[in-house]
């Protein structure tokens, strides 16, 4: 019995080690982000193996009424957000900084958040959560904090569902491990894609179309607002719908 137990422990250890291997297709990014201060060590990254939380039932509140942008305010730039056919359409304006359509409510702590995203014109976007803001040197608002990255439905890196520190250190949880292979392939080109974020205390997990993605620990960001990002650039049109949140009893921090 003791031999079997030891063997099982060895298998479990080996399984974890394999899961934390950097994928061959992702190894170039290790070097690219080597000098980034908060780049995680692959062997220390936590793996999300939990099923996506239920997105139905009591407690969920719609953050978008399908008619107008009541309860939201754009920050950081002059990319546009407008409502068309029950959808929020975010459009890149050439020359504008990245722009964040942000909830007026700014004290979300523990929650389950979900939204659907579709790219009409491919462009970088994401969902900021527990976001913060401050005036920058030009007197304009700088939005900063953690963001669940949504990179688009084309490209080779495919880190949608990873955690990026927007104006806050860069990549905190890149999807570069073997364990992230399914998540890297979860985005459906030309279709609506569901992103889900769960934050409880210091732990944040994400899912893309129900596929587990990030599992990140942070002591720094404990409450804030949500933002829909339209990234700076030459082009981009991103659609958002079915945006809702369920606030949870705050965990001990």
Protein backbone atom coordinates (compact mmCIF):
# COMPACT_ATOMS: atom_id res chain seq x y z
CA UNK A 1 0.00 0.00 0.00
CA UNK A 2 2.83 2.38 0.90
CA UNK A 3 4.54 1.68 -2.45
CA UNK A 4 1.32 2.45 -4.34
CA UNK A 5 0.86 5.72 -2.42
CA UNK A 6 4.41 6.85 -3.19
CA UNK A 7 3.95 5.92 -6.85
CA UNK A 8 0.71 7.92 -7.00
CA UNK A 9 2.44 10.93 -5.49
CA UNK A 10 5.23 10.65 -8.03
CA UNK A 11 2.71 10.53 -10.86
CA UNK A 12 0.92 13.60 -9.48
CA UNK A 13 4.21 15.48 -9.21
CA UNK A 14 5.12 14.52 -12.77
CA UNK A 15 1.69 15.59 -14.01
CA UNK A 16 2.07 19.04 -12.45
CA UNK A 17 5.58 19.39 -13.86
CA UNK A 18 4.35 18.53 -17.35
CA UNK A 19 1.44 20.95 -17.08
CA UNK A 20 3.87 23.75 -16.22
CA UNK A 21 6.06 23.14 -19.26
CA UNK A 22 6.23 26.04 -21.71
CA UNK A 23 4.73 25.00 -25.04
CA UNK A 24 7.13 24.77 -27.95
CA UNK A 25 5.11 27.35 -29.89
CA UNK A 26 5.33 29.77 -26.96
CA UNK A 27 9.02 29.60 -26.05
CA UNK A 28 9.91 32.74 -27.99
CA UNK A 29 7.77 34.77 -25.58
CA UNK A 30 9.86 33.68 -22.60
CA UNK A 31 12.78 35.62 -24.04
CA UNK A 32 10.58 38.51 -25.19
CA UNK A 33 9.26 39.16 -21.68
CA UNK A 34 12.36 38.11 -19.74
CA UNK A 35 13.07 41.69 -18.63
CA UNK A 36 9.50 42.42 -17.58
CA UNK A 37 9.56 42.83 -13.81
CA UNK A 38 6.50 40.75 -12.97
CA UNK A 39 6.85 37.99 -15.58
CA UNK A 40 5.81 34.81 -13.75
CA UNK A 41 8.08 31.79 -13.49
CA UNK A 42 6.29 29.06 -15.49
CA UNK A 43 6.91 26.41 -12.83
CA UNK A 44 5.21 28.58 -10.20
CA UNK A 45 2.07 29.35 -12.20
CA UNK A 46 -1.20 27.98 -10.86
CA UNK A 47 -3.35 26.02 -13.31
CA UNK A 48 -7.11 26.56 -13.60
CA UNK A 49 -8.79 23.15 -13.59
CA UNK A 50 -12.18 24.25 -12.26
CA UNK A 51 -15.37 24.19 -14.32
CA UNK A 52 -16.81 27.53 -15.33
CA UNK A 53 -19.17 28.78 -12.59
CA UNK A 54 -22.90 28.77 -13.27
CA UNK A 55 -23.99 31.91 -15.11
CA UNK A 56 -27.71 31.56 -14.45
CA UNK A 57 -29.92 31.93 -11.42
CA UNK A 58 -30.34 34.47 -8.69
CA UNK A 59 -27.84 37.19 -7.98
CA UNK A 60 -26.80 38.18 -11.50
CA UNK A 61 -27.33 41.80 -12.52
CA UNK A 62 -27.30 42.99 -16.12
CA UNK A 63 -24.71 45.75 -16.53
CA UNK A 64 -25.94 46.71 -20.02
CA UNK A 65 -29.63 47.44 -20.59
CA UNK A 66 -29.47 46.92 -24.36
CA UNK A 67 -30.71 50.46 -25.06
CA UNK A 68 -28.11 52.98 -23.96
CA UNK A 69 -24.90 53.38 -21.97
CA UNK A 70 -26.49 54.37 -18.67
CA UNK A 71 -24.18 53.30 -15.85
CA UNK A 72 -21.08 53.51 -18.04
CA UNK A 73 -18.53 56.24 -18.79
CA UNK A 74 -15.65 56.29 -21.32
CA UNK A 75 -12.19 56.98 -19.89
CA UNK A 76 -8.67 57.43 -21.23
CA UNK A 77 -9.20 58.27 -24.91
CA UNK A 78 -11.72 59.09 -27.62
CA UNK A 79 -12.34 55.75 -29.29
CA UNK A 80 -16.11 55.47 -29.60
CA UNK A 81 -18.74 53.32 -27.92
CA UNK A 82 -22.33 53.25 -29.11
CA UNK A 83 -25.37 50.98 -28.88
CA UNK A 84 -26.58 49.25 -32.05
CA UNK A 85 -29.16 46.47 -32.12
CA UNK A 86 -28.81 45.62 -28.42
CA UNK A 87 -25.00 45.49 -28.70
CA UNK A 88 -22.26 47.85 -27.50
CA UNK A 89 -20.04 48.63 -30.49
CA UNK A 90 -16.55 49.85 -29.67
CA UNK A 91 -14.58 51.39 -32.54
CA UNK A 92 -10.91 52.31 -32.72
CA UNK A 93 -10.26 55.93 -33.72
CA UNK A 94 -6.87 56.38 -35.33
CA UNK A 95 -4.69 58.58 -33.12
CA UNK A 96 -6.70 57.97 -29.97
CA UNK A 97 -5.19 56.33 -26.90
CA UNK A 98 -6.79 53.12 -25.72
CA UNK A 99 -10.25 53.87 -24.37
CA UNK A 100 -12.12 52.15 -21.54
CA UNK A 101 -15.91 52.13 -21.26
CA UNK A 102 -16.14 51.85 -17.48
CA UNK A 103 -18.86 51.14 -14.97
CA UNK A 104 -19.82 54.13 -12.85
CA UNK A 105 -19.96 51.76 -9.89
CA UNK A 106 -16.34 51.45 -8.77
CA UNK A 107 -16.31 49.21 -5.72
CA UNK A 108 -16.66 45.68 -7.06
CA UNK A 109 -14.69 43.26 -4.89
CA UNK A 110 -15.58 39.56 -5.19
CA UNK A 111 -17.70 38.58 -8.17
CA UNK A 112 -18.50 36.40 -11.15
CA UNK A 113 -18.50 38.52 -14.32
CA UNK A 114 -19.38 37.38 -17.82
CA UNK A 115 -19.77 38.96 -21.25
CA UNK A 116 -19.82 37.97 -24.90
CA UNK A 117 -17.42 39.52 -27.41
CA UNK A 118 -17.25 39.41 -31.19
CA UNK A 119 -14.76 41.07 -33.51
CA UNK A 120 -16.29 42.82 -36.55
CA UNK A 121 -12.87 44.30 -37.36
CA UNK A 122 -10.06 42.51 -35.57
CA UNK A 123 -8.44 44.47 -32.77
CA UNK A 124 -7.06 44.04 -29.28
CA UNK A 125 -9.56 44.34 -26.45
CA UNK A 126 -10.17 43.03 -22.96
CA UNK A 127 -12.17 43.30 -19.76
CA UNK A 128 -10.58 45.29 -16.98
CA UNK A 129 -11.69 44.35 -13.47
CA UNK A 130 -11.00 45.90 -10.07
CA UNK A 131 -9.67 48.75 -12.22
CA UNK A 132 -8.32 52.02 -10.87
CA UNK A 133 -7.66 55.47 -12.31
CA UNK A 134 -5.47 58.51 -11.74
CA UNK A 135 -4.65 61.72 -13.57
CA UNK A 136 -1.56 61.43 -15.75
CA UNK A 137 1.00 64.14 -16.52
CA UNK A 138 -1.30 65.63 -19.18
CA UNK A 139 -4.18 65.93 -16.76
CA UNK A 140 -6.04 63.11 -18.49
CA UNK A 141 -7.32 59.96 -16.83
CA UNK A 142 -5.01 56.95 -16.79
CA UNK A 143 -6.83 53.68 -16.30
CA UNK A 144 -4.73 50.94 -14.73
CA UNK A 145 -5.02 47.54 -13.12
CA UNK A 146 -5.69 43.93 -14.13
CA UNK A 147 -7.29 43.05 -17.43
CA UNK A 148 -8.57 39.78 -18.83
CA UNK A 149 -7.00 39.96 -22.27
CA UNK A 150 -9.06 39.29 -25.43
CA UNK A 151 -6.59 39.39 -28.27
CA UNK A 152 -8.85 38.90 -31.26
CA UNK A 153 -9.78 35.93 -33.40
CA UNK A 154 -6.68 35.93 -35.59
CA UNK A 155 -3.00 35.68 -34.68
CA UNK A 156 -0.61 33.07 -33.36
CA UNK A 157 -0.04 33.89 -29.69
CA UNK A 158 -3.67 33.41 -28.62
CA UNK A 159 -3.55 34.58 -25.03
CA UNK A 160 -7.24 35.49 -24.72
CA UNK A 161 -8.17 34.77 -21.12
CA UNK A 162 -4.72 35.65 -19.79
CA UNK A 163 -4.20 38.44 -17.25
CA UNK A 164 -2.42 41.61 -18.31
CA UNK A 165 -1.47 44.46 -15.96
CA UNK A 166 -2.72 47.45 -17.95
CA UNK A 167 -0.34 50.32 -17.16
CA UNK A 168 0.54 48.09 -14.22
CA UNK A 169 3.53 45.94 -15.08
CA UNK A 170 2.48 44.00 -18.17
CA UNK A 171 1.82 40.28 -18.34
CA UNK A 172 0.92 38.80 -14.96
CA UNK A 173 -0.50 35.51 -16.29
CA UNK A 174 0.42 34.67 -19.91
CA UNK A 175 -1.11 31.57 -21.48
CA UNK A 176 2.18 29.97 -22.56
CA UNK A 177 2.09 26.60 -20.83
CA UNK A 178 1.20 23.18 -22.20
CA UNK A 179 -1.70 23.29 -19.76
CA UNK A 180 -3.10 26.31 -21.64
CA UNK A 181 -3.29 24.63 -25.04
CA UNK A 182 -7.06 24.15 -24.94
CA UNK A 183 -7.62 27.73 -23.77
CA UNK A 184 -5.38 29.05 -26.57
CA UNK A 185 -7.69 27.32 -29.05
CA UNK A 186 -10.97 28.31 -27.39
CA UNK A 187 -11.73 31.45 -29.43
CA UNK A 188 -14.21 30.85 -32.28
CA UNK A 189 -13.45 33.01 -35.29
CA UNK A 190 -16.32 35.17 -36.51
CA UNK A 191 -18.59 34.13 -33.63
CA UNK A 192 -19.59 35.40 -30.23
CA UNK A 193 -17.09 34.34 -27.57
CA UNK A 194 -17.91 34.19 -23.87
CA UNK A 195 -15.42 35.41 -21.29
CA UNK A 196 -15.98 34.72 -17.59
CA UNK A 197 -13.98 36.15 -14.70
CA UNK A 198 -14.26 35.01 -11.10
CA UNK A 199 -12.52 37.01 -8.38
CA UNK A 200 -12.61 35.80 -4.77
CA UNK A 201 -10.22 37.41 -2.35
CA UNK A 202 -6.71 37.20 -3.76
CA UNK A 203 -7.59 34.62 -6.41
CA UNK A 204 -8.75 35.34 -9.96
CA UNK A 205 -9.78 32.69 -12.49
CA UNK A 206 -10.92 33.09 -16.09
CA UNK A 207 -12.69 30.96 -18.71
CA UNK A 208 -13.08 31.36 -22.49
CA UNK A 209 -16.20 29.71 -23.90
CA UNK A 210 -16.22 27.55 -20.78
CA UNK A 211 -12.58 26.47 -21.12
CA UNK A 212 -10.41 27.18 -18.03
CA UNK A 213 -7.69 29.77 -18.72
CA UNK A 214 -5.99 31.80 -15.97
CA UNK A 215 -5.51 31.08 -12.26
CA UNK A 216 -3.81 34.13 -10.75
CA UNK A 217 -3.06 35.32 -7.25
CA UNK A 218 -2.76 39.02 -6.39
CA UNK A 219 -2.56 40.93 -3.13
CA UNK A 220 -2.58 44.30 -4.88
CA UNK A 221 -5.98 44.82 -6.52
CA UNK A 222 -8.91 44.26 -4.18
CA UNK A 223 -11.72 46.40 -5.58
CA UNK A 224 -12.55 48.69 -8.47
CA UNK A 225 -14.65 48.96 -11.60
CA UNK A 226 -15.10 47.04 -14.85
CA UNK A 227 -14.01 48.44 -18.20
CA UNK A 228 -14.49 47.33 -21.80
CA UNK A 229 -11.32 48.18 -23.69
CA UNK A 230 -10.92 49.39 -27.26
CA UNK A 231 -7.19 49.46 -27.95
CA UNK A 232 -5.33 52.22 -29.73
CA UNK A 233 -4.36 51.47 -33.33
CA UNK A 234 -5.37 51.95 -36.93
CA UNK A 235 -8.52 49.84 -36.89
CA UNK A 236 -10.75 47.75 -34.71
CA UNK A 237 -14.46 47.17 -34.12
CA UNK A 238 -15.46 45.06 -31.15
CA UNK A 239 -19.00 44.11 -30.14
CA UNK A 240 -20.08 43.40 -26.55
CA UNK A 241 -23.33 41.92 -25.24
CA UNK A 242 -24.81 39.86 -22.37
CA UNK A 243 -22.71 41.71 -19.81
CA UNK A 244 -23.61 40.78 -16.26
CA UNK A 245 -22.14 40.34 -12.83
CA UNK A 246 -22.94 38.48 -9.63
CA UNK A 247 -21.38 40.03 -6.57
CA UNK A 248 -20.22 37.55 -3.96
CA UNK A 249 -19.75 37.92 -0.22
CA UNK A 250 -16.29 39.41 0.15
CA UNK A 251 -13.70 36.85 1.14
CA UNK A 252 -11.14 37.56 3.82
CA UNK A 253 -8.26 39.49 2.26
